[in-house]
Amino acid sequence: MLSSAKRVDRLPPGTGGSSLATNTNSGSYRLEGIESQFSPFVNARVEVSGEVKPAAADKADSGNSSPILLVEFIQKTASTCR
């Protein structure tokens, strides 16, 4: 789970980005990818990019309405989340 997220657009206007990604103003995202990819970044400030998908509607995820971010890139920007 990525929390306290702040969206930063780094694409030239009119290029890339889906309408779902553009219209999503969530402060938290469920990350989807390889678990070992995320474990080194627990409790660190990170920069993440990828594809935004709508929140899952299956029974196992009931009560969690955070959108999903299919992670393509992640890097640490600070050792703590402060």
N, C-alpha and C. Protein backbone atom coordinates (compact mmCIF):
# COMPACT_ATOMS: atom_id res chain seq x y z
N MET A 1 0.84 -1.17 0.00
CA MET A 1 0.00 0.00 0.00
C MET A 1 0.89 1.24 0.00
N LEU A 2 0.60 2.14 -0.89
CA LEU A 2 1.30 3.42 -0.95
C LEU A 2 0.36 4.45 -0.33
N SER A 3 0.81 5.14 0.70
CA SER A 3 -0.05 6.13 1.36
C SER A 3 0.59 7.51 1.29
N SER A 4 -0.21 8.52 1.54
CA SER A 4 0.22 9.92 1.46
C SER A 4 0.79 10.24 0.09
N ALA A 5 0.17 9.70 -0.94
CA ALA A 5 0.65 9.88 -2.31
C ALA A 5 0.32 11.28 -2.82
N LYS A 6 1.23 11.82 -3.59
CA LYS A 6 1.03 13.11 -4.26
C LYS A 6 1.31 12.90 -5.73
N ARG A 7 0.35 13.23 -6.57
CA ARG A 7 0.50 13.05 -8.01
C ARG A 7 1.33 14.17 -8.61
N VAL A 8 2.29 13.80 -9.44
CA VAL A 8 3.14 14.75 -10.15
C VAL A 8 3.10 14.38 -11.62
N ASP A 9 2.65 15.29 -12.45
CA ASP A 9 2.62 15.05 -13.89
C ASP A 9 3.95 15.46 -14.50
N ARG A 10 4.59 14.51 -15.15
CA ARG A 10 5.87 14.80 -15.79
C ARG A 10 5.83 14.50 -17.28
N LEU A 11 4.64 14.47 -17.84
CA LEU A 11 4.47 14.22 -19.26
C LEU A 11 4.14 15.53 -19.97
N PRO A 12 4.59 15.69 -21.19
CA PRO A 12 4.20 16.89 -21.94
C PRO A 12 2.68 16.91 -22.10
N PRO A 13 2.06 18.08 -22.04
CA PRO A 13 0.60 18.17 -22.20
C PRO A 13 0.14 17.47 -23.47
N GLY A 14 -0.95 16.74 -23.35
CA GLY A 14 -1.55 16.07 -24.50
C GLY A 14 -0.90 14.75 -24.87
N THR A 15 0.06 14.28 -24.06
CA THR A 15 0.69 12.99 -24.36
C THR A 15 0.54 12.05 -23.18
N GLY A 16 0.42 10.77 -23.47
CA GLY A 16 0.39 9.74 -22.44
C GLY A 16 -0.69 9.96 -21.40
N GLY A 17 -0.77 9.04 -20.49
CA GLY A 17 -1.72 9.17 -19.38
C GLY A 17 -3.13 8.83 -19.78
N SER A 18 -3.72 7.90 -19.06
CA SER A 18 -5.10 7.52 -19.32
C SER A 18 -6.04 8.49 -18.62
N SER A 19 -7.30 8.49 -19.02
CA SER A 19 -8.28 9.35 -18.35
C SER A 19 -8.46 8.91 -16.90
N LEU A 20 -8.36 7.60 -16.62
CA LEU A 20 -8.48 7.12 -15.24
C LEU A 20 -7.35 7.70 -14.40
N ALA A 21 -6.12 7.66 -14.90
CA ALA A 21 -4.98 8.20 -14.16
C ALA A 21 -5.13 9.70 -13.96
N THR A 22 -5.56 10.41 -14.98
CA THR A 22 -5.72 11.86 -14.91
C THR A 22 -6.78 12.25 -13.90
N ASN A 23 -7.86 11.47 -13.81
CA ASN A 23 -8.98 11.81 -12.95
C ASN A 23 -8.89 11.20 -11.55
N THR A 24 -7.85 10.44 -11.25
CA THR A 24 -7.69 9.83 -9.95
C THR A 24 -6.94 10.78 -9.03
N ASN A 25 -7.58 11.15 -7.94
CA ASN A 25 -6.96 12.05 -6.96
C ASN A 25 -6.89 11.37 -5.60
N SER A 26 -6.46 10.13 -5.59
CA SER A 26 -6.40 9.37 -4.36
C SER A 26 -5.13 9.68 -3.60
N GLY A 27 -5.20 9.61 -2.27
CA GLY A 27 -4.01 9.77 -1.44
C GLY A 27 -3.34 8.46 -1.16
N SER A 28 -3.98 7.36 -1.55
CA SER A 28 -3.37 6.05 -1.34
C SER A 28 -3.69 5.14 -2.51
N TYR A 29 -2.76 4.22 -2.76
CA TYR A 29 -2.88 3.28 -3.88
C TYR A 29 -2.46 1.91 -3.40
N ARG A 30 -3.13 0.89 -3.89
CA ARG A 30 -2.68 -0.48 -3.69
C ARG A 30 -1.68 -0.76 -4.80
N LEU A 31 -0.49 -1.22 -4.42
CA LEU A 31 0.54 -1.49 -5.41
C LEU A 31 0.43 -2.91 -5.91
N GLU A 32 0.59 -3.08 -7.20
CA GLU A 32 0.54 -4.40 -7.81
C GLU A 32 1.86 -4.63 -8.53
N GLY A 33 2.50 -5.73 -8.23
CA GLY A 33 3.77 -6.05 -8.85
C GLY A 33 4.42 -7.19 -8.08
N ILE A 34 5.70 -7.34 -8.24
CA ILE A 34 6.45 -8.39 -7.57
C ILE A 34 6.76 -7.95 -6.14
N GLU A 35 6.31 -8.75 -5.17
CA GLU A 35 6.46 -8.41 -3.75
C GLU A 35 7.91 -8.04 -3.40
N SER A 36 8.87 -8.80 -3.89
CA SER A 36 10.27 -8.52 -3.58
C SER A 36 10.73 -7.17 -4.15
N GLN A 37 10.01 -6.67 -5.12
CA GLN A 37 10.31 -5.37 -5.70
C GLN A 37 10.01 -4.25 -4.70
N PHE A 38 9.02 -4.47 -3.83
CA PHE A 38 8.58 -3.42 -2.91
C PHE A 38 9.23 -3.49 -1.54
N SER A 39 9.61 -4.67 -1.08
CA SER A 39 10.09 -4.84 0.29
C SER A 39 11.27 -3.94 0.67
N PRO A 40 12.22 -3.62 -0.21
CA PRO A 40 13.31 -2.73 0.21
C PRO A 40 12.85 -1.28 0.48
N PHE A 41 11.61 -0.96 0.11
CA PHE A 41 11.14 0.43 0.21
C PHE A 41 10.12 0.66 1.32
N VAL A 42 9.87 -0.34 2.15
CA VAL A 42 8.89 -0.21 3.23
C VAL A 42 9.31 0.95 4.14
N ASN A 43 8.38 1.85 4.42
CA ASN A 43 8.56 3.03 5.29
C ASN A 43 9.55 4.05 4.74
N ALA A 44 9.84 4.00 3.46
CA ALA A 44 10.71 4.99 2.82
C ALA A 44 9.88 5.87 1.90
N ARG A 45 10.38 7.06 1.61
CA ARG A 45 9.72 7.92 0.63
C ARG A 45 10.18 7.44 -0.74
N VAL A 46 9.22 7.23 -1.64
CA VAL A 46 9.54 6.68 -2.95
C VAL A 46 8.88 7.48 -4.06
N GLU A 47 9.41 7.32 -5.25
CA GLU A 47 8.79 7.81 -6.47
C GLU A 47 8.38 6.57 -7.24
N VAL A 48 7.12 6.53 -7.63
CA VAL A 48 6.57 5.36 -8.30
C VAL A 48 5.88 5.80 -9.57
N SER A 49 6.04 5.03 -10.63
CA SER A 49 5.27 5.28 -11.84
C SER A 49 4.72 3.97 -12.34
N GLY A 50 3.62 4.07 -13.06
CA GLY A 50 2.98 2.88 -13.60
C GLY A 50 1.59 3.20 -14.08
N GLU A 51 0.81 2.17 -14.28
CA GLU A 51 -0.55 2.30 -14.81
C GLU A 51 -1.56 2.24 -13.68
N VAL A 52 -2.48 3.20 -13.64
CA VAL A 52 -3.54 3.21 -12.64
C VAL A 52 -4.70 2.37 -13.15
N LYS A 53 -5.19 1.49 -12.28
CA LYS A 53 -6.34 0.65 -12.59
C LYS A 53 -7.43 0.95 -11.57
N PRO A 54 -8.70 0.76 -11.92
CA PRO A 54 -9.76 1.01 -10.95
C PRO A 54 -9.65 0.06 -9.77
N ALA A 55 -10.23 0.46 -8.65
CA ALA A 55 -10.23 -0.38 -7.45
C ALA A 55 -10.88 -1.72 -7.77
N ALA A 56 -10.36 -2.79 -7.20
CA ALA A 56 -10.90 -4.13 -7.42
C ALA A 56 -12.28 -4.22 -6.81
N ALA A 57 -13.15 -4.95 -7.47
CA ALA A 57 -14.52 -5.09 -6.99
C ALA A 57 -14.80 -6.51 -6.50
N ASP A 58 -13.74 -7.31 -6.31
CA ASP A 58 -13.99 -8.69 -5.88
C ASP A 58 -14.20 -8.76 -4.38
N LYS A 59 -14.73 -9.88 -3.92
CA LYS A 59 -15.09 -10.06 -2.51
C LYS A 59 -13.89 -10.01 -1.58
N ALA A 60 -12.75 -10.50 -2.02
CA ALA A 60 -11.56 -10.53 -1.18
C ALA A 60 -11.09 -9.13 -0.82
N ASP A 61 -11.41 -8.15 -1.66
CA ASP A 61 -10.97 -6.79 -1.42
C ASP A 61 -12.09 -5.88 -0.95
N SER A 62 -13.18 -6.44 -0.48
CA SER A 62 -14.30 -5.61 -0.07
C SER A 62 -13.88 -4.65 1.03
N GLY A 63 -14.34 -3.44 0.94
CA GLY A 63 -14.00 -2.41 1.90
C GLY A 63 -12.76 -1.62 1.53
N ASN A 64 -12.02 -2.03 0.54
CA ASN A 64 -10.83 -1.30 0.12
C ASN A 64 -11.11 -0.68 -1.24
N SER A 65 -11.31 0.63 -1.25
CA SER A 65 -11.68 1.30 -2.50
C SER A 65 -10.51 2.07 -3.11
N SER A 66 -9.30 1.82 -2.64
CA SER A 66 -8.14 2.50 -3.20
C SER A 66 -7.87 2.00 -4.62
N PRO A 67 -7.53 2.91 -5.53
CA PRO A 67 -7.16 2.46 -6.88
C PRO A 67 -5.88 1.64 -6.83
N ILE A 68 -5.65 0.87 -7.87
CA ILE A 68 -4.48 0.01 -7.96
C ILE A 68 -3.47 0.66 -8.89
N LEU A 69 -2.21 0.63 -8.49
CA LEU A 69 -1.14 1.12 -9.34
C LEU A 69 -0.27 -0.06 -9.74
N LEU A 70 -0.31 -0.39 -11.02
CA LEU A 70 0.53 -1.45 -11.57
C LEU A 70 1.92 -0.86 -11.76
N VAL A 71 2.83 -1.19 -10.85
CA VAL A 71 4.13 -0.53 -10.77
C VAL A 71 5.04 -0.94 -11.92
N GLU A 72 5.57 0.06 -12.61
CA GLU A 72 6.55 -0.13 -13.67
C GLU A 72 7.93 0.32 -13.22
N PHE A 73 7.97 1.28 -12.29
CA PHE A 73 9.23 1.86 -11.83
C PHE A 73 9.07 2.31 -10.39
N ILE A 74 10.07 2.07 -9.56
CA ILE A 74 10.07 2.56 -8.18
C ILE A 74 11.50 2.89 -7.78
N GLN A 75 11.66 4.02 -7.08
CA GLN A 75 12.98 4.37 -6.57
C GLN A 75 12.82 5.12 -5.25
N LYS A 76 13.76 4.95 -4.37
CA LYS A 76 13.75 5.61 -3.07
C LYS A 76 14.23 7.05 -3.24
N THR A 77 13.50 8.00 -2.64
CA THR A 77 13.91 9.40 -2.69
C THR A 77 14.34 9.90 -1.32
N ALA A 78 13.97 9.19 -0.25
CA ALA A 78 14.40 9.51 1.11
C ALA A 78 14.25 8.25 1.95
N SER A 79 15.06 8.13 2.99
CA SER A 79 15.04 6.92 3.79
C SER A 79 13.84 6.81 4.71
N THR A 80 13.14 7.93 4.95
CA THR A 80 11.93 7.90 5.77
C THR A 80 10.80 8.61 5.05
N CYS A 81 9.58 8.37 5.51
CA CYS A 81 8.38 8.92 4.87
C CYS A 81 8.06 10.34 5.31
N ARG A 82 8.80 10.94 6.14
CA ARG A 82 8.46 12.26 6.69
C ARG A 82 8.46 13.35 5.67
